[in-house]
């Protein structure tokens, strides 16, 4: 994916959602991420990576299950989790790194 590595190297934190179109839990996570973006605004970038289209990136980060969320800043992995996460949990975790 063009730009993936440049984006995660940004000083602005980037939350990467590794997902698949056929994944039920991924479909549940998507609107939660939309709500997170509304709450956090431009202090955080949210990027979605389809593991079926970008298998090499998914393999590089050892994605075993979807959804997997990874938070990066300046190219460093700050936090990683798998499974559906609720809005309050995500907002609390992201705020640890952006405030």
N, C-alpha and C. Protein backbone atom coordinates (compact mmCIF):
# COMPACT_ATOMS: atom_id res chain seq x y z
N UNK A 1 0.86 -1.18 0.00
CA UNK A 1 0.00 0.00 0.00
C UNK A 1 0.89 1.23 0.00
N UNK A 2 0.68 2.07 -0.97
CA UNK A 2 1.46 3.29 -1.07
C UNK A 2 1.20 4.18 0.13
N UNK A 3 2.25 4.64 0.74
CA UNK A 3 2.11 5.58 1.83
C UNK A 3 1.97 4.99 3.21
N UNK A 4 1.77 3.70 3.34
CA UNK A 4 1.56 3.10 4.66
C UNK A 4 2.71 3.42 5.60
N UNK A 5 3.93 3.17 5.15
CA UNK A 5 5.09 3.35 6.03
C UNK A 5 5.34 4.81 6.35
N UNK A 6 5.08 5.70 5.39
CA UNK A 6 5.22 7.13 5.64
C UNK A 6 4.20 7.61 6.67
N UNK A 7 2.98 7.09 6.56
CA UNK A 7 1.92 7.50 7.48
C UNK A 7 2.22 7.06 8.90
N UNK A 8 2.66 5.81 9.09
CA UNK A 8 2.92 5.35 10.46
C UNK A 8 4.18 5.99 11.05
N UNK A 9 5.02 6.59 10.21
CA UNK A 9 6.21 7.29 10.70
C UNK A 9 5.90 8.73 11.12
N UNK A 10 4.67 9.16 10.91
CA UNK A 10 4.27 10.52 11.24
C UNK A 10 4.33 10.77 12.75
N UNK A 11 4.51 12.05 13.10
CA UNK A 11 4.47 12.44 14.51
C UNK A 11 3.05 12.33 15.06
N UNK A 12 2.06 12.40 14.16
CA UNK A 12 0.66 12.23 14.59
C UNK A 12 0.40 10.74 14.76
N UNK A 13 -0.15 10.33 15.90
CA UNK A 13 -0.45 8.91 16.09
C UNK A 13 -1.40 8.38 15.00
N UNK A 14 -1.16 7.16 14.58
CA UNK A 14 -1.98 6.50 13.57
C UNK A 14 -2.49 5.19 14.12
N UNK A 15 -3.80 5.02 14.13
CA UNK A 15 -4.42 3.77 14.53
C UNK A 15 -4.71 2.98 13.25
N UNK A 16 -4.08 1.82 13.12
CA UNK A 16 -4.25 0.99 11.94
C UNK A 16 -5.20 -0.15 12.28
N UNK A 17 -6.25 -0.26 11.47
CA UNK A 17 -7.24 -1.33 11.61
C UNK A 17 -6.98 -2.36 10.53
N UNK A 18 -6.43 -3.51 10.91
CA UNK A 18 -6.27 -4.62 9.98
C UNK A 18 -7.59 -5.39 9.99
N UNK A 19 -8.21 -5.49 8.82
CA UNK A 19 -9.55 -6.07 8.73
C UNK A 19 -9.68 -6.92 7.47
N UNK A 20 -10.82 -7.60 7.34
CA UNK A 20 -11.18 -8.32 6.13
C UNK A 20 -12.65 -8.04 5.84
N UNK A 21 -12.99 -7.95 4.56
CA UNK A 21 -14.37 -7.63 4.19
C UNK A 21 -15.35 -8.72 4.60
N UNK A 22 -14.89 -9.96 4.72
CA UNK A 22 -15.74 -11.09 5.07
C UNK A 22 -15.88 -11.29 6.58
N UNK A 23 -15.21 -10.47 7.37
CA UNK A 23 -15.12 -10.63 8.82
C UNK A 23 -16.27 -9.91 9.54
N UNK A 24 -17.12 -10.69 10.22
CA UNK A 24 -18.23 -10.11 10.96
C UNK A 24 -17.81 -9.14 12.05
N UNK A 25 -16.88 -9.53 12.92
CA UNK A 25 -16.42 -8.60 13.96
C UNK A 25 -15.80 -7.32 13.37
N UNK A 26 -15.16 -7.42 12.21
CA UNK A 26 -14.59 -6.23 11.57
C UNK A 26 -15.70 -5.25 11.18
N UNK A 27 -16.81 -5.80 10.74
CA UNK A 27 -17.96 -4.96 10.37
C UNK A 27 -18.53 -4.27 11.61
N UNK A 28 -18.43 -4.91 12.77
CA UNK A 28 -18.87 -4.29 14.02
C UNK A 28 -17.89 -3.21 14.47
N UNK A 29 -16.59 -3.41 14.22
CA UNK A 29 -15.57 -2.46 14.66
C UNK A 29 -15.60 -1.16 13.86
N UNK A 30 -15.96 -1.24 12.59
CA UNK A 30 -15.89 -0.08 11.71
C UNK A 30 -16.67 1.14 12.21
N UNK A 31 -17.96 1.01 12.58
CA UNK A 31 -18.66 2.20 13.07
C UNK A 31 -18.12 2.71 14.41
N UNK A 32 -17.51 1.83 15.20
CA UNK A 32 -16.89 2.26 16.45
C UNK A 32 -15.70 3.16 16.13
N UNK A 33 -14.92 2.78 15.11
CA UNK A 33 -13.79 3.61 14.69
C UNK A 33 -14.26 4.95 14.13
N UNK A 34 -15.39 4.94 13.42
CA UNK A 34 -15.96 6.20 12.92
C UNK A 34 -16.31 7.12 14.09
N UNK A 35 -16.91 6.56 15.13
CA UNK A 35 -17.26 7.35 16.31
C UNK A 35 -16.02 7.85 17.03
N UNK A 36 -14.98 7.02 17.08
CA UNK A 36 -13.72 7.44 17.70
C UNK A 36 -13.15 8.63 16.96
N UNK A 37 -13.18 8.60 15.63
CA UNK A 37 -12.66 9.70 14.83
C UNK A 37 -13.44 10.99 15.12
N UNK A 38 -14.75 10.87 15.29
CA UNK A 38 -15.57 12.05 15.62
C UNK A 38 -15.15 12.63 16.98
N UNK A 39 -14.87 11.78 17.94
CA UNK A 39 -14.50 12.24 19.28
C UNK A 39 -13.08 12.80 19.34
N UNK A 40 -12.15 12.15 18.66
CA UNK A 40 -10.73 12.51 18.75
C UNK A 40 -10.37 13.61 17.75
N UNK A 41 -11.03 13.64 16.63
CA UNK A 41 -10.76 14.65 15.61
C UNK A 41 -9.44 14.43 14.92
N UNK A 42 -8.77 15.52 14.59
CA UNK A 42 -7.55 15.41 13.80
C UNK A 42 -6.30 15.14 14.63
N UNK A 43 -6.46 14.83 15.90
CA UNK A 43 -5.30 14.46 16.74
C UNK A 43 -4.83 13.04 16.46
N UNK A 44 -5.63 12.28 15.69
CA UNK A 44 -5.34 10.88 15.40
C UNK A 44 -5.72 10.58 13.96
N UNK A 45 -4.88 9.82 13.28
CA UNK A 45 -5.22 9.31 11.96
C UNK A 45 -5.66 7.87 12.13
N UNK A 46 -6.72 7.49 11.44
CA UNK A 46 -7.17 6.11 11.43
C UNK A 46 -7.02 5.58 10.01
N UNK A 47 -6.35 4.46 9.89
CA UNK A 47 -6.07 3.86 8.60
C UNK A 47 -6.56 2.42 8.60
N UNK A 48 -7.23 2.02 7.53
CA UNK A 48 -7.74 0.66 7.42
C UNK A 48 -6.90 -0.10 6.39
N UNK A 49 -6.48 -1.32 6.77
CA UNK A 49 -5.70 -2.18 5.88
C UNK A 49 -6.46 -3.50 5.69
N UNK A 50 -6.89 -3.74 4.46
CA UNK A 50 -7.57 -4.99 4.11
C UNK A 50 -6.49 -6.07 3.97
N UNK A 51 -6.54 -7.07 4.84
CA UNK A 51 -5.48 -8.09 4.85
C UNK A 51 -5.46 -8.93 3.59
N UNK A 52 -6.58 -9.03 2.90
CA UNK A 52 -6.63 -9.81 1.67
C UNK A 52 -5.99 -9.05 0.50
N UNK A 53 -6.05 -7.75 0.53
CA UNK A 53 -5.45 -6.93 -0.54
C UNK A 53 -4.00 -6.57 -0.23
N UNK A 54 -3.65 -6.54 1.04
CA UNK A 54 -2.31 -6.13 1.46
C UNK A 54 -1.71 -7.19 2.37
N UNK A 55 -1.65 -8.40 1.85
CA UNK A 55 -1.16 -9.54 2.62
C UNK A 55 0.28 -9.41 3.09
N UNK A 56 1.11 -8.73 2.31
CA UNK A 56 2.52 -8.60 2.72
C UNK A 56 2.65 -7.74 3.98
N UNK A 57 1.84 -6.68 4.08
CA UNK A 57 1.88 -5.84 5.29
C UNK A 57 1.32 -6.64 6.47
N UNK A 58 0.21 -7.35 6.24
CA UNK A 58 -0.37 -8.17 7.31
C UNK A 58 0.63 -9.22 7.79
N UNK A 59 1.36 -9.84 6.86
CA UNK A 59 2.35 -10.85 7.24
C UNK A 59 3.50 -10.22 8.01
N UNK A 60 3.94 -9.04 7.57
CA UNK A 60 5.04 -8.36 8.25
C UNK A 60 4.72 -8.09 9.72
N UNK A 61 3.44 -7.76 10.00
CA UNK A 61 3.03 -7.45 11.37
C UNK A 61 2.38 -8.65 12.07
N UNK A 62 2.53 -9.83 11.48
CA UNK A 62 2.07 -11.08 12.09
C UNK A 62 0.60 -11.02 12.49
N UNK A 63 -0.24 -10.56 11.57
CA UNK A 63 -1.68 -10.50 11.84
C UNK A 63 -2.24 -11.91 11.77
N UNK A 64 -2.71 -12.41 12.90
CA UNK A 64 -3.25 -13.76 12.99
C UNK A 64 -4.78 -13.77 13.01
N UNK A 65 -5.37 -12.68 13.47
CA UNK A 65 -6.83 -12.59 13.54
C UNK A 65 -7.24 -11.16 13.26
N UNK A 66 -8.46 -11.02 12.81
CA UNK A 66 -9.02 -9.70 12.52
C UNK A 66 -10.33 -9.53 13.27
N UNK A 67 -10.62 -8.30 13.69
CA UNK A 67 -9.80 -7.11 13.53
C UNK A 67 -8.62 -7.10 14.51
N UNK A 68 -7.52 -6.57 14.03
CA UNK A 68 -6.37 -6.26 14.87
C UNK A 68 -6.12 -4.77 14.73
N UNK A 69 -6.00 -4.09 15.86
CA UNK A 69 -5.74 -2.65 15.88
C UNK A 69 -4.33 -2.43 16.40
N UNK A 70 -3.60 -1.55 15.71
CA UNK A 70 -2.24 -1.22 16.11
C UNK A 70 -2.09 0.30 16.08
N UNK A 71 -1.52 0.84 17.14
CA UNK A 71 -1.31 2.28 17.25
C UNK A 71 0.18 2.58 17.07
N UNK A 72 0.48 3.43 16.09
CA UNK A 72 1.86 3.80 15.77
C UNK A 72 2.06 5.30 15.94
N UNK A 73 3.29 5.68 16.26
CA UNK A 73 3.72 7.07 16.18
C UNK A 73 5.21 7.06 15.90
N UNK A 74 5.61 7.86 14.92
CA UNK A 74 7.01 7.95 14.51
C UNK A 74 7.59 6.57 14.21
N UNK A 75 6.77 5.71 13.60
CA UNK A 75 7.21 4.39 13.19
C UNK A 75 7.28 3.35 14.29
N UNK A 76 7.00 3.75 15.50
CA UNK A 76 7.05 2.82 16.64
C UNK A 76 5.65 2.31 16.96
N UNK A 77 5.57 1.02 17.23
CA UNK A 77 4.33 0.42 17.67
C UNK A 77 4.14 0.75 19.15
N UNK A 78 3.04 1.43 19.47
CA UNK A 78 2.76 1.83 20.84
C UNK A 78 1.81 0.87 21.56
N UNK A 79 0.89 0.27 20.77
CA UNK A 79 -0.16 -0.55 21.37
C UNK A 79 -0.73 -1.45 20.30
N UNK A 80 -1.14 -2.64 20.70
CA UNK A 80 -1.72 -3.61 19.77
C UNK A 80 -2.78 -4.41 20.50
N UNK A 81 -3.88 -4.69 19.80
CA UNK A 81 -4.94 -5.51 20.36
C UNK A 81 -5.69 -6.19 19.23
N UNK A 82 -6.33 -7.30 19.55
CA UNK A 82 -7.15 -8.00 18.58
C UNK A 82 -8.56 -8.15 19.12
N UNK A 83 -9.52 -8.26 18.21
CA UNK A 83 -10.92 -8.39 18.59
C UNK A 83 -11.60 -7.04 18.63
N UNK A 84 -12.91 -7.06 18.70
CA UNK A 84 -13.69 -5.82 18.72
C UNK A 84 -13.46 -5.10 20.05
N UNK A 85 -13.15 -3.82 19.95
CA UNK A 85 -12.97 -2.98 21.14
C UNK A 85 -14.04 -1.89 21.13
N UNK A 86 -14.63 -1.66 22.28
CA UNK A 86 -15.68 -0.66 22.39
C UNK A 86 -15.08 0.75 22.38
N UNK A 87 -15.93 1.71 22.09
CA UNK A 87 -15.51 3.09 21.91
C UNK A 87 -14.78 3.64 23.14
N UNK A 88 -15.33 3.44 24.32
CA UNK A 88 -14.71 4.00 25.53
C UNK A 88 -13.32 3.42 25.77
N UNK A 89 -13.16 2.13 25.50
CA UNK A 89 -11.86 1.48 25.68
C UNK A 89 -10.85 2.09 24.70
N UNK A 90 -11.25 2.21 23.44
CA UNK A 90 -10.35 2.78 22.43
C UNK A 90 -10.00 4.23 22.74
N UNK A 91 -11.00 5.00 23.10
CA UNK A 91 -10.75 6.42 23.38
C UNK A 91 -9.79 6.58 24.55
N UNK A 92 -9.98 5.80 25.59
CA UNK A 92 -9.10 5.86 26.76
C UNK A 92 -7.67 5.49 26.39
N UNK A 93 -7.50 4.42 25.63
CA UNK A 93 -6.16 3.97 25.25
C UNK A 93 -5.49 4.99 24.33
N UNK A 94 -6.19 5.48 23.34
CA UNK A 94 -5.62 6.45 22.40
C UNK A 94 -5.24 7.74 23.14
N UNK A 95 -6.07 8.17 24.07
CA UNK A 95 -5.78 9.40 24.83
C UNK A 95 -4.50 9.29 25.65
N UNK A 96 -4.10 8.08 26.03
CA UNK A 96 -2.84 7.89 26.74
C UNK A 96 -1.66 8.36 25.89
N UNK A 97 -1.81 8.28 24.58
CA UNK A 97 -0.70 8.57 23.67
C UNK A 97 -0.81 9.90 22.94
N UNK A 98 -1.98 10.54 22.97
CA UNK A 98 -2.11 11.78 22.22
C UNK A 98 -2.26 13.01 23.10
N UNK A 99 -2.42 12.83 24.37
CA UNK A 99 -2.56 13.99 25.26
C UNK A 99 -1.25 14.36 25.91
